[in-house]
């Protein structure tokens, strides 16, 4: 028997960019690249990175580090993070530029101004700290320009939320701790928060969180919503609702398939199969309140999937999907209790057709 091993942690793009920038700045001042290069993470932990690339010119130095995301399914795993450091005018401090493959902010609502390189505040602070450390050691100034680039970053960014958030031209340099915790869900929930922030900054009156691409396309068509109004909620309905409670928008729609919305109706706010299971007994009892025969109740109780449950109920004319939508809205409304937010729930079938809805009050 093989015992399971702990998932290996990795490093954020922000940590990699910081290490590359520190190595490049050191080479700019001394002519040689420290390899490996050591940085201090925000919590105080010191970690080392091996350089994958190093180039030195008359007025610049470039260092590159290959991102290792550990055992997390991160789309940027294996990407080359390059930092090019040049001197800047005296007393200008550290400034940042987006090189090829790093995006630029084009919409409000993010923690960066429109037109800024998509290098988030914590990675910027990490790089400033690293530059200051080298400058102190070598008795130099911190007046430098750091350009971060990621070869193929623009193509990789199409697999992220960046285009929807208005980050165009490439990837974001992210990270609050410097460490990637495998399957921590933190990055996804952070993307949900950013999507809501952008929608609020654009004064959108209606947003929708969907569990998947089919549901998202259906709810966008149903309500004629723009891309900026669509939140890639995935399984994290609770994460979305809790953030909206303190960052409200006038109207919110939750859209998903029958099984996922049934979990929400049963009080689950995390819809992932590893963290919540569909309770067939509860579905059978709900069907009974709708007039389901004892035979149908037993069939539902012993069905294999939520889809089979829905098919059984539909064949016998039992409006199970509609009842689930109403219950799901009631559960979600409890999270938003005390807010003026109008909440809708829509159930979408696998073909992308809405089959039940529980609209909030007009």
Protein backbone atom coordinates (compact mmCIF):
# COMPACT_ATOMS: atom_id res chain seq x y z
CA UNK A 1 0.00 0.00 0.00
CA UNK A 2 1.35 3.41 -1.01
CA UNK A 3 0.74 6.13 1.54
CA UNK A 4 -0.43 9.49 0.18
CA UNK A 5 2.13 12.24 0.22
CA UNK A 6 1.56 15.91 0.96
CA UNK A 7 1.03 18.11 -2.04
CA UNK A 8 4.11 20.14 -2.92
CA UNK A 9 3.81 23.91 -2.60
CA UNK A 10 5.11 26.27 -5.25
CA UNK A 11 5.93 29.93 -5.84
CA UNK A 12 3.77 32.76 -7.13
CA UNK A 13 4.65 34.82 -10.20
CA UNK A 14 5.27 37.68 -7.76
CA UNK A 15 7.92 35.71 -5.87
CA UNK A 16 9.60 34.65 -9.13
CA UNK A 17 9.58 38.22 -10.44
CA UNK A 18 11.07 39.47 -7.18
CA UNK A 19 13.91 36.96 -7.29
CA UNK A 20 14.60 37.73 -10.95
CA UNK A 21 14.58 41.49 -10.30
CA UNK A 22 16.93 41.16 -7.34
CA UNK A 23 19.37 39.04 -9.35
CA UNK A 24 19.21 41.44 -12.31
CA UNK A 25 19.78 44.52 -10.13
CA UNK A 26 22.73 42.85 -8.42
CA UNK A 27 24.23 42.07 -11.83
CA UNK A 28 23.60 45.63 -13.01
CA UNK A 29 25.71 46.91 -10.11
CA UNK A 30 28.38 44.20 -9.89
CA UNK A 31 28.51 42.56 -13.32
CA UNK A 32 27.70 39.11 -11.98
CA UNK A 33 24.45 37.29 -11.24
CA UNK A 34 23.97 35.61 -7.84
CA UNK A 35 22.78 32.08 -8.59
CA UNK A 36 20.86 30.84 -6.71
CA UNK A 37 19.26 34.09 -5.62
CA UNK A 38 17.63 34.39 -2.20
CA UNK A 39 14.62 36.58 -1.34
CA UNK A 40 12.53 37.13 1.77
CA UNK A 41 8.81 36.43 1.51
CA UNK A 42 6.26 38.75 3.20
CA UNK A 43 5.98 36.46 6.23
CA UNK A 44 9.77 36.52 6.73
CA UNK A 45 10.67 33.15 5.22
CA UNK A 46 13.81 33.12 3.07
CA UNK A 47 13.73 31.08 -0.13
CA UNK A 48 16.16 30.58 -3.01
CA UNK A 49 15.60 30.39 -6.76
CA UNK A 50 17.87 29.05 -9.50
CA UNK A 51 18.27 31.31 -12.51
CA UNK A 52 17.14 29.97 -15.88
CA UNK A 53 18.39 32.94 -17.87
CA UNK A 54 20.86 35.79 -17.38
CA UNK A 55 21.80 38.55 -19.80
CA UNK A 56 23.91 41.64 -19.15
CA UNK A 57 24.27 44.73 -21.36
CA UNK A 58 25.80 48.17 -21.04
CA UNK A 59 22.76 49.71 -19.35
CA UNK A 60 20.61 46.76 -18.30
CA UNK A 61 20.60 43.29 -16.78
CA UNK A 62 17.98 40.58 -17.29
CA UNK A 63 17.41 37.52 -15.13
CA UNK A 64 14.84 34.78 -15.65
CA UNK A 65 13.27 32.19 -13.38
CA UNK A 66 11.01 29.32 -14.40
CA UNK A 67 7.90 29.31 -12.26
CA UNK A 68 7.32 26.17 -10.22
CA UNK A 69 3.72 26.06 -8.99
CA UNK A 70 4.30 22.83 -7.07
CA UNK A 71 1.39 20.42 -7.34
CA UNK A 72 -1.15 23.15 -8.08
CA UNK A 73 -2.79 23.03 -11.56
CA UNK A 74 -1.63 26.58 -12.29
CA UNK A 75 -1.64 27.64 -15.95
CA UNK A 76 1.56 29.63 -15.34
CA UNK A 77 3.48 26.57 -14.10
CA UNK A 78 6.66 26.33 -16.18
CA UNK A 79 6.44 29.90 -17.47
CA UNK A 80 9.66 31.89 -17.70
CA UNK A 81 9.43 35.07 -15.60
CA UNK A 82 11.94 37.66 -16.82
CA UNK A 83 12.98 40.84 -15.03
CA UNK A 84 15.01 43.50 -16.80
CA UNK A 85 16.43 46.24 -14.57
CA UNK A 86 17.72 49.61 -15.80
CA UNK A 87 18.80 52.71 -13.95
CA UNK A 88 16.29 55.56 -13.66
CA UNK A 89 16.60 59.27 -12.95
CA UNK A 90 17.78 60.20 -9.48
CA UNK A 91 15.12 60.25 -6.75
CA UNK A 92 12.46 58.56 -8.90
CA UNK A 93 12.54 55.34 -6.89
CA UNK A 94 11.42 51.98 -8.29
CA UNK A 95 9.01 52.05 -11.23
CA UNK A 96 7.47 49.18 -13.15
CA UNK A 97 6.83 48.40 -16.80
CA UNK A 98 4.94 45.62 -18.53
CA UNK A 99 7.14 43.81 -21.02
CA UNK A 100 5.89 41.30 -23.60
CA UNK A 101 3.49 38.80 -22.05
CA UNK A 102 2.54 40.95 -19.04
CA UNK A 103 -0.85 42.64 -19.16
CA UNK A 104 -1.96 46.22 -18.77
CA UNK A 105 -5.00 47.34 -16.74
CA UNK A 106 -7.79 48.78 -18.93
CA UNK A 107 -10.81 48.71 -16.59
CA UNK A 108 -11.49 50.29 -13.19
CA UNK A 109 -12.08 48.27 -10.03
CA UNK A 110 -8.71 46.56 -9.71
CA UNK A 111 -6.10 47.60 -7.12
CA UNK A 112 -4.15 49.32 -9.92
CA UNK A 113 -4.94 52.39 -12.00
CA UNK A 114 -5.96 52.11 -15.65
CA UNK A 115 -2.85 52.05 -17.82
CA UNK A 116 -0.68 50.48 -15.14
CA UNK A 117 1.21 47.22 -15.70
CA UNK A 118 -0.67 44.29 -14.17
CA UNK A 119 1.86 43.86 -11.37
CA UNK A 120 -0.14 43.68 -8.17
CA UNK A 121 0.64 45.76 -5.05
CA UNK A 122 2.26 42.99 -3.00
CA UNK A 123 4.69 41.84 -5.72
CA UNK A 124 5.59 45.51 -6.24
CA UNK A 125 6.30 45.87 -2.54
CA UNK A 126 8.34 42.66 -2.55
CA UNK A 127 10.45 43.95 -5.45
CA UNK A 128 10.94 47.36 -3.82
CA UNK A 129 12.11 45.62 -0.63
CA UNK A 130 14.54 43.39 -2.55
CA UNK A 131 15.96 46.33 -4.50
CA UNK A 132 16.39 48.33 -1.27
CA UNK A 133 18.25 45.41 0.31
CA UNK A 134 20.75 45.22 -2.56
CA UNK A 135 21.10 49.01 -2.72
CA UNK A 136 21.91 49.11 1.01
CA UNK A 137 24.47 46.32 0.72
CA UNK A 138 26.21 47.92 -2.28
CA UNK A 139 25.75 51.58 -1.23
CA UNK A 140 23.70 52.50 -4.29
CA UNK A 141 20.32 54.10 -4.94
CA UNK A 142 16.96 52.45 -5.53
CA UNK A 143 16.24 54.52 -8.64
CA UNK A 144 15.52 51.77 -11.16
CA UNK A 145 12.99 50.69 -13.77
CA UNK A 146 11.88 47.05 -13.52
CA UNK A 147 10.34 45.54 -16.63
CA UNK A 148 8.67 42.15 -16.17
CA UNK A 149 8.00 39.98 -19.21
CA UNK A 150 6.75 36.44 -19.76
CA UNK A 151 7.38 34.72 -23.10
CA UNK A 152 4.06 33.36 -24.45
CA UNK A 153 2.29 35.17 -21.61
CA UNK A 154 -0.36 36.68 -23.88
CA UNK A 155 -1.46 33.21 -25.03
CA UNK A 156 -1.39 31.79 -21.49
CA UNK A 157 -3.51 34.73 -20.27
CA UNK A 158 -6.38 33.61 -22.49
CA UNK A 159 -6.80 30.67 -20.09
CA UNK A 160 -7.29 33.05 -17.14
CA UNK A 161 -9.84 35.66 -16.06
CA UNK A 162 -7.57 38.49 -17.25
CA UNK A 163 -9.36 39.40 -20.51
CA UNK A 164 -12.70 39.62 -18.69
CA UNK A 165 -11.16 41.77 -15.96
CA UNK A 166 -9.80 44.14 -18.56
CA UNK A 167 -6.17 43.06 -18.18
CA UNK A 168 -5.00 42.96 -21.77
CA UNK A 169 -1.79 41.87 -23.42
CA UNK A 170 -0.72 39.17 -21.04
CA UNK A 171 -0.62 37.76 -17.54
CA UNK A 172 -0.77 39.40 -14.13
CA UNK A 173 2.07 39.27 -11.62
CA UNK A 174 0.26 38.02 -8.55
CA UNK A 175 0.75 36.79 -5.01
CA UNK A 176 0.18 37.98 -1.48
CA UNK A 177 2.41 35.50 0.35
CA UNK A 178 4.78 34.38 -2.42
CA UNK A 179 3.66 30.78 -1.91
CA UNK A 180 1.24 28.75 -4.04
CA UNK A 181 -0.76 26.38 -1.83
CA UNK A 182 -2.05 23.52 -4.02
CA UNK A 183 -5.81 23.48 -4.47
CA UNK A 184 -6.24 26.16 -1.82
CA UNK A 185 -8.98 27.79 -3.94
CA UNK A 186 -7.66 31.16 -2.83
CA UNK A 187 -6.71 32.24 -6.35
CA UNK A 188 -10.15 31.40 -7.73
CA UNK A 189 -11.96 33.25 -4.96
CA UNK A 190 -9.61 36.21 -5.44
CA UNK A 191 -10.63 36.25 -9.12
CA UNK A 192 -14.29 36.26 -8.08
CA UNK A 193 -13.65 39.26 -5.86
CA UNK A 194 -11.81 41.08 -8.64
CA UNK A 195 -14.64 40.37 -11.09
CA UNK A 196 -17.16 41.87 -8.67
CA UNK A 197 -14.91 44.88 -8.05
CA UNK A 198 -14.67 45.56 -11.79
CA UNK A 199 -18.45 45.22 -12.24
CA UNK A 200 -19.04 47.67 -9.37
CA UNK A 201 -16.51 50.14 -10.73
CA UNK A 202 -18.36 50.03 -14.07
CA UNK A 203 -21.66 50.66 -12.22
CA UNK A 204 -23.22 47.51 -13.68
CA UNK A 205 -26.73 46.99 -12.25
CA UNK A 206 -26.81 43.21 -12.74
CA UNK A 207 -24.16 40.50 -12.48
CA UNK A 208 -24.39 36.72 -12.78
CA UNK A 209 -22.31 33.97 -11.20
CA UNK A 210 -22.32 30.67 -13.07
CA UNK A 211 -21.03 27.24 -12.14
CA UNK A 212 -19.67 26.53 -15.62
CA UNK A 213 -19.31 27.73 -19.20
CA UNK A 214 -22.64 26.32 -20.44
CA UNK A 215 -24.57 28.01 -17.64
CA UNK A 216 -22.63 31.22 -18.13
CA UNK A 217 -23.41 31.41 -21.85
CA UNK A 218 -27.08 30.68 -21.17
CA UNK A 219 -27.51 33.30 -18.44
CA UNK A 220 -25.62 35.89 -20.49
CA UNK A 221 -28.04 35.32 -23.38
CA UNK A 222 -31.08 35.22 -21.10
CA UNK A 223 -30.39 38.61 -19.54
CA UNK A 224 -28.25 40.15 -22.31
CA UNK A 225 -25.34 40.62 -19.91
CA UNK A 226 -21.96 41.97 -20.97
CA UNK A 227 -18.79 39.99 -20.34
CA UNK A 228 -17.86 42.28 -17.43
CA UNK A 229 -21.12 41.29 -15.71
CA UNK A 230 -20.25 37.58 -15.75
CA UNK A 231 -18.53 36.15 -12.67
CA UNK A 232 -16.74 32.81 -13.07
CA UNK A 233 -18.13 31.56 -9.77
CA UNK A 234 -17.44 27.87 -10.31
CA UNK A 235 -18.27 25.93 -7.15
CA UNK A 236 -17.70 28.89 -4.84
CA UNK A 237 -21.22 30.27 -4.53
CA UNK A 238 -20.60 31.03 -0.86
CA UNK A 239 -17.43 32.94 -1.64
CA UNK A 240 -19.27 35.04 -4.19
CA UNK A 241 -22.30 35.73 -2.00
CA UNK A 242 -20.27 36.64 1.09
CA UNK A 243 -18.24 39.17 -0.90
CA UNK A 244 -21.33 40.62 -2.54
CA UNK A 245 -22.90 41.05 0.89
CA UNK A 246 -20.25 43.63 1.76
CA UNK A 247 -19.69 44.83 -1.84
CA UNK A 248 -23.27 44.93 -3.12
CA UNK A 249 -24.67 45.28 -6.63
CA UNK A 250 -28.38 45.85 -7.28
CA UNK A 251 -29.12 42.45 -8.80
CA UNK A 252 -27.38 39.08 -8.76
CA UNK A 253 -28.24 35.91 -10.64
CA UNK A 254 -26.91 32.46 -9.75
CA UNK A 255 -26.93 30.02 -12.66
CA UNK A 256 -25.98 26.36 -12.79
CA UNK A 257 -26.98 22.82 -13.56
CA UNK A 258 -29.60 20.90 -11.63
CA UNK A 259 -27.20 18.93 -9.41
CA UNK A 260 -25.11 21.95 -8.39
CA UNK A 261 -28.14 24.12 -7.67
CA UNK A 262 -29.69 21.21 -5.73
CA UNK A 263 -26.66 21.25 -3.43
CA UNK A 264 -27.19 24.96 -2.87
CA UNK A 265 -30.87 24.28 -2.15
CA UNK A 266 -29.73 21.80 0.50
CA UNK A 267 -27.65 24.48 2.21
CA UNK A 268 -24.23 23.81 0.68
CA UNK A 269 -22.27 26.93 -0.20
CA UNK A 270 -19.31 25.02 -1.68
CA UNK A 271 -20.58 22.93 -4.58
CA UNK A 272 -17.43 20.93 -5.36
CA UNK A 273 -17.95 17.16 -5.44
CA UNK A 274 -15.03 16.62 -3.07
CA UNK A 275 -16.52 18.92 -0.45
CA UNK A 276 -20.27 18.42 -0.71
CA UNK A 277 -22.52 15.61 -1.85
CA UNK A 278 -26.02 15.70 -3.30
CA UNK A 279 -28.46 14.35 -0.72
CA UNK A 280 -30.86 12.12 -2.64
CA UNK A 281 -33.03 11.57 0.43
CA UNK A 282 -33.71 15.30 0.61
CA UNK A 283 -34.55 15.38 -3.09
CA UNK A 284 -36.92 12.44 -2.62
CA UNK A 285 -38.65 14.22 0.26
CA UNK A 286 -38.94 17.41 -1.79
CA UNK A 287 -40.47 15.43 -4.65
CA UNK A 288 -42.98 13.95 -2.18
CA UNK A 289 -44.19 17.44 -1.26
CA UNK A 290 -44.80 18.03 -4.97
CA UNK A 291 -47.04 14.96 -5.29
CA UNK A 292 -44.49 12.35 -6.37
CA UNK A 293 -45.71 8.79 -6.09
CA UNK A 294 -44.08 6.46 -3.55
CA UNK A 295 -42.53 4.61 -6.50
CA UNK A 296 -40.93 7.82 -7.85
CA UNK A 297 -39.68 8.72 -4.39
CA UNK A 298 -37.89 5.38 -4.19
CA UNK A 299 -36.49 5.77 -7.70
CA UNK A 300 -35.08 9.18 -6.79
CA UNK A 301 -33.65 7.81 -3.56
CA UNK A 302 -31.74 5.13 -5.49
CA UNK A 303 -30.79 7.12 -8.58
CA UNK A 304 -27.17 7.42 -9.62
CA UNK A 305 -26.93 11.10 -10.47
CA UNK A 306 -28.75 14.38 -10.14
CA UNK A 307 -29.45 14.23 -13.88
CA UNK A 308 -31.21 10.88 -13.50
CA UNK A 309 -33.27 12.31 -10.63
CA UNK A 310 -34.35 15.23 -12.81
CA UNK A 311 -35.21 12.95 -15.71
CA UNK A 312 -37.32 10.69 -13.48
CA UNK A 313 -39.24 13.64 -12.05
CA UNK A 314 -39.74 15.30 -15.43
CA UNK A 315 -41.16 12.13 -16.99
CA UNK A 316 -43.81 12.01 -14.28
CA UNK A 317 -44.63 15.70 -14.45
CA UNK A 318 -43.19 16.58 -11.04
CA UNK A 319 -41.75 20.15 -11.12
CA UNK A 320 -38.68 19.26 -9.12
CA UNK A 321 -36.32 21.70 -10.85
CA UNK A 322 -38.59 24.66 -10.09
CA UNK A 323 -38.85 23.67 -6.43
CA UNK A 324 -35.07 23.33 -6.23
CA UNK A 325 -34.59 26.79 -7.74
CA UNK A 326 -36.92 28.32 -5.15
CA UNK A 327 -35.17 26.57 -2.27
CA UNK A 328 -31.75 27.56 -3.61
CA UNK A 329 -32.79 31.18 -3.78
CA UNK A 330 -34.01 31.01 -0.17
CA UNK A 331 -30.65 29.62 0.97
CA UNK A 332 -28.71 32.28 -0.94
CA UNK A 333 -31.00 35.06 0.32
CA UNK A 334 -30.14 34.10 3.90
CA UNK A 335 -26.50 34.92 3.14
CA UNK A 336 -27.57 38.31 1.76
CA UNK A 337 -30.10 39.00 4.51
CA UNK A 338 -30.32 42.68 5.38
CA UNK A 339 -29.04 43.88 2.00
CA UNK A 340 -31.14 45.48 -0.77
CA UNK A 341 -29.82 43.02 -3.37
CA UNK A 342 -32.33 41.33 -5.69
CA UNK A 343 -31.39 37.68 -6.15
CA UNK A 344 -32.40 35.27 -8.94
CA UNK A 345 -31.60 31.59 -9.43
CA UNK A 346 -31.72 29.90 -12.83
CA UNK A 347 -31.21 26.20 -13.55
CA UNK A 348 -29.69 25.37 -16.94
CA UNK A 349 -29.71 21.96 -18.61
CA UNK A 350 -26.70 20.43 -20.36
CA UNK A 351 -27.78 21.85 -23.71
CA UNK A 352 -27.75 25.37 -22.29
CA UNK A 353 -31.52 25.79 -21.97
CA UNK A 354 -33.02 27.36 -18.84
CA UNK A 355 -35.40 24.82 -17.31
CA UNK A 356 -36.36 26.55 -14.06
CA UNK A 357 -36.01 29.98 -12.51
CA UNK A 358 -36.71 31.69 -9.20
CA UNK A 359 -36.67 35.42 -9.91
CA UNK A 360 -36.37 37.84 -7.03
CA UNK A 361 -38.97 40.52 -6.38
CA UNK A 362 -39.29 43.11 -9.12
